[in-house]
Amino acid sequence: MALAGIAAVLWQAAAAYAFGGLANGMEVVATRSYLNYRAPPEAAGRVFAVYSGVLFGAASIGMAAAGGLLSSLNPRLVLFLAGGGGLLAAGAGSLAYALRHRRRARMLARS
């Protein structure tokens, strides 16, 4: 999204969306595989229901926010902000996961 926002010409934006679509497809497969591997069989339905609810709820909120921003901001800036927000969320999630993993490793080392 951020790359599409800074594209100088249409073909660059199209290439950015193609790259983003490929990356998103890989992320969806990886996330669902991870959840399927980690969720106990008796809770898998609930886990995937929560995952889908969060995914589609966040997409709906994002689209509503982008629609509101488009009336007062340049569309390129909205695309750049959307891409930057996604990168910030990914970074925050990765950091939280790493800290949780490190905390768990320390607890196991003390045992």
C-alpha atoms as a PDB file:
ATOM      1  CA  MET A   1       0.000   0.000   0.000  1.00  0.00           C
ATOM      2  CA  ALA A   2       2.750   2.435   0.921  1.00  0.00           C
ATOM      3  CA  LEU A   3       4.580   1.678  -2.342  1.00  0.00           C
ATOM      4  CA  ALA A   4       1.399   2.347  -4.325  1.00  0.00           C
ATOM      5  CA  GLY A   5       1.069   5.647  -2.492  1.00  0.00           C
ATOM      6  CA  ILE A   6       4.510   6.806  -3.614  1.00  0.00           C
ATOM      7  CA  ALA A   7       4.305   5.432  -7.161  1.00  0.00           C
ATOM      8  CA  ALA A   8       5.055   8.035  -9.832  1.00  0.00           C
ATOM      9  CA  VAL A   9       3.120   6.300 -12.624  1.00  0.00           C
ATOM     10  CA  LEU A  10       0.268   3.797 -12.854  1.00  0.00           C
ATOM     11  CA  TRP A  11       2.397   0.773 -13.787  1.00  0.00           C
ATOM     12  CA  GLN A  12       4.432   1.234 -10.583  1.00  0.00           C
ATOM     13  CA  ALA A  13       1.251   1.300  -8.504  1.00  0.00           C
ATOM     14  CA  ALA A  14       0.018  -1.843 -10.296  1.00  0.00           C
ATOM     15  CA  ALA A  15       3.336  -3.582  -9.596  1.00  0.00           C
ATOM     16  CA  ALA A  16       3.117  -2.539  -5.939  1.00  0.00           C
ATOM     17  CA  TYR A  17      -0.405  -3.974  -5.677  1.00  0.00           C
ATOM     18  CA  ALA A  18       0.747  -7.202  -7.370  1.00  0.00           C
ATOM     19  CA  PHE A  19       3.611  -7.535  -4.896  1.00  0.00           C
ATOM     20  CA  GLY A  20       1.265  -6.722  -2.005  1.00  0.00           C
ATOM     21  CA  GLY A  21      -1.275  -9.282  -3.190  1.00  0.00           C
ATOM     22  CA  LEU A  22       1.369 -11.983  -3.419  1.00  0.00           C
ATOM     23  CA  ALA A  23       2.697 -11.125   0.030  1.00  0.00           C
ATOM     24  CA  ASN A  24      -0.826 -11.061   1.466  1.00  0.00           C
ATOM     25  CA  GLY A  25      -1.583 -14.478  -0.001  1.00  0.00           C
ATOM     26  CA  MET A  26       1.554 -15.903   1.575  1.00  0.00           C
ATOM     27  CA  GLU A  27       0.696 -14.278   4.911  1.00  0.00           C
ATOM     28  CA  VAL A  28      -2.845 -15.697   4.895  1.00  0.00           C
ATOM     29  CA  VAL A  29      -1.626 -19.231   4.178  1.00  0.00           C
ATOM     30  CA  ALA A  30       1.105 -18.970   6.831  1.00  0.00           C
ATOM     31  CA  THR A  31      -1.255 -17.553   9.459  1.00  0.00           C
ATOM     32  CA  ARG A  32      -3.958 -20.137   8.874  1.00  0.00           C
ATOM     33  CA  SER A  33      -1.407 -22.953   8.857  1.00  0.00           C
ATOM     34  CA  TYR A  34       0.071 -21.656  12.122  1.00  0.00           C
ATOM     35  CA  LEU A  35      -3.354 -21.408  13.748  1.00  0.00           C
ATOM     36  CA  ASN A  36      -4.307 -24.861  12.500  1.00  0.00           C
ATOM     37  CA  TYR A  37      -1.066 -26.292  13.896  1.00  0.00           C
ATOM     38  CA  ARG A  38      -1.294 -24.534  17.281  1.00  0.00           C
ATOM     39  CA  ALA A  39      -5.017 -24.677  18.038  1.00  0.00           C
ATOM     40  CA  PRO A  40      -6.281 -27.748  19.873  1.00  0.00           C
ATOM     41  CA  PRO A  41      -8.745 -29.657  17.672  1.00  0.00           C
ATOM     42  CA  GLU A  42     -11.630 -29.032  20.069  1.00  0.00           C
ATOM     43  CA  ALA A  43     -11.090 -25.247  19.879  1.00  0.00           C
ATOM     44  CA  ALA A  44     -10.107 -24.899  16.200  1.00  0.00           C
ATOM     45  CA  GLY A  45     -13.536 -23.680  15.110  1.00  0.00           C
ATOM     46  CA  ARG A  46     -13.582 -20.948  17.746  1.00  0.00           C
ATOM     47  CA  VAL A  47      -9.980 -19.949  16.975  1.00  0.00           C
ATOM     48  CA  PHE A  48     -10.744 -19.534  13.271  1.00  0.00           C
ATOM     49  CA  ALA A  49     -13.982 -17.690  14.056  1.00  0.00           C
ATOM     50  CA  VAL A  50     -12.077 -15.180  16.201  1.00  0.00           C
ATOM     51  CA  TYR A  51      -9.361 -14.864  13.551  1.00  0.00           C
ATOM     52  CA  SER A  52     -11.918 -14.208  10.815  1.00  0.00           C
ATOM     53  CA  GLY A  53     -13.854 -11.771  12.993  1.00  0.00           C
ATOM     54  CA  VAL A  54     -10.746  -9.755  13.821  1.00  0.00           C
ATOM     55  CA  LEU A  55      -9.552  -9.834  10.203  1.00  0.00           C
ATOM     56  CA  PHE A  56     -12.834  -8.712   8.651  1.00  0.00           C
ATOM     57  CA  GLY A  57     -13.628  -6.293  11.474  1.00  0.00           C
ATOM     58  CA  ALA A  58     -10.258  -4.582  11.118  1.00  0.00           C
ATOM     59  CA  ALA A  59     -10.676  -4.401   7.329  1.00  0.00           C
ATOM     60  CA  SER A  60     -14.100  -2.788   7.764  1.00  0.00           C
ATOM     61  CA  ILE A  61     -12.773  -0.242  10.250  1.00  0.00           C
ATOM     62  CA  GLY A  62      -9.821   0.496   7.977  1.00  0.00           C
ATOM     63  CA  MET A  63     -12.056   1.074   4.969  1.00  0.00           C
ATOM     64  CA  ALA A  64     -14.339   3.360   6.951  1.00  0.00           C
ATOM     65  CA  ALA A  65     -11.342   5.338   8.241  1.00  0.00           C
ATOM     66  CA  ALA A  66      -9.836   5.594   4.745  1.00  0.00           C
ATOM     67  CA  GLY A  67     -13.155   6.788   3.355  1.00  0.00           C
ATOM     68  CA  GLY A  68     -13.292   9.511   5.984  1.00  0.00           C
ATOM     69  CA  LEU A  69      -9.707  10.566   5.342  1.00  0.00           C
ATOM     70  CA  LEU A  70     -10.160  10.728   1.565  1.00  0.00           C
ATOM     71  CA  SER A  71     -12.463  13.719   1.859  1.00  0.00           C
ATOM     72  CA  SER A  72      -9.716  15.828   3.434  1.00  0.00           C
ATOM     73  CA  LEU A  73      -6.414  14.226   2.345  1.00  0.00           C
ATOM     74  CA  ASN A  74      -4.696  13.349  -0.910  1.00  0.00           C
ATOM     75  CA  PRO A  75      -5.409   9.734  -1.986  1.00  0.00           C
ATOM     76  CA  ARG A  76      -1.657   9.048  -2.256  1.00  0.00           C
ATOM     77  CA  LEU A  77      -1.197  10.117   1.355  1.00  0.00           C
ATOM     78  CA  VAL A  78      -4.057   7.853   2.471  1.00  0.00           C
ATOM     79  CA  LEU A  79      -2.429   4.899   0.680  1.00  0.00           C
ATOM     80  CA  PHE A  80       0.923   5.730   2.248  1.00  0.00           C
ATOM     81  CA  LEU A  81      -0.663   6.009   5.712  1.00  0.00           C
ATOM     82  CA  ALA A  82      -2.477   2.695   5.237  1.00  0.00           C
ATOM     83  CA  GLY A  83       0.749   0.963   4.247  1.00  0.00           C
ATOM     84  CA  GLY A  84       2.668   2.594   7.079  1.00  0.00           C
ATOM     85  CA  GLY A  85      -0.020   1.603   9.565  1.00  0.00           C
ATOM     86  CA  GLY A  86       0.221  -1.994   8.406  1.00  0.00           C
ATOM     87  CA  LEU A  87       3.981  -1.945   8.805  1.00  0.00           C
ATOM     88  CA  LEU A  88       3.675  -0.441  12.289  1.00  0.00           C
ATOM     89  CA  ALA A  89       1.132  -3.082  13.296  1.00  0.00           C
ATOM     90  CA  ALA A  90       3.374  -5.854  11.949  1.00  0.00           C
ATOM     91  CA  GLY A  91       6.355  -4.451  13.830  1.00  0.00           C
ATOM     92  CA  ALA A  92       4.398  -4.131  17.068  1.00  0.00           C
ATOM     93  CA  GLY A  93       3.077  -7.675  16.731  1.00  0.00           C
ATOM     94  CA  SER A  94       6.529  -9.057  15.995  1.00  0.00           C
ATOM     95  CA  LEU A  95       7.988  -7.212  18.979  1.00  0.00           C
ATOM     96  CA  ALA A  96       5.221  -8.463  21.282  1.00  0.00           C
ATOM     97  CA  TYR A  97       5.749 -12.024  20.044  1.00  0.00           C
ATOM     98  CA  ALA A  98       9.534 -11.809  20.513  1.00  0.00           C
ATOM     99  CA  LEU A  99       9.182 -10.411  24.043  1.00  0.00           C
ATOM    100  CA  ARG A 100       6.672 -13.101  24.945  1.00  0.00           C
ATOM    101  CA  HIS A 101       8.968 -15.797  23.532  1.00  0.00           C
ATOM    102  CA  ARG A 102      11.963 -14.412  25.455  1.00  0.00           C
ATOM    103  CA  ARG A 103       9.948 -14.232  28.688  1.00  0.00           C
ATOM    104  CA  ARG A 104       8.825 -17.841  28.233  1.00  0.00           C
ATOM    105  CA  ALA A 105      12.418 -18.963  27.560  1.00  0.00           C
ATOM    106  CA  ARG A 106      13.599 -17.256  30.758  1.00  0.00           C
ATOM    107  CA  MET A 107      10.853 -18.942  32.775  1.00  0.00           C
ATOM    108  CA  LEU A 108      11.802 -22.336  31.370  1.00  0.00           C
ATOM    109  CA  ALA A 109      15.502 -21.709  32.105  1.00  0.00           C
ATOM    110  CA  ARG A 110      14.694 -20.961  35.760  1.00  0.00           C
ATOM    111  CA  SER A 111      12.741 -24.203  36.131  1.00  0.00           C
END
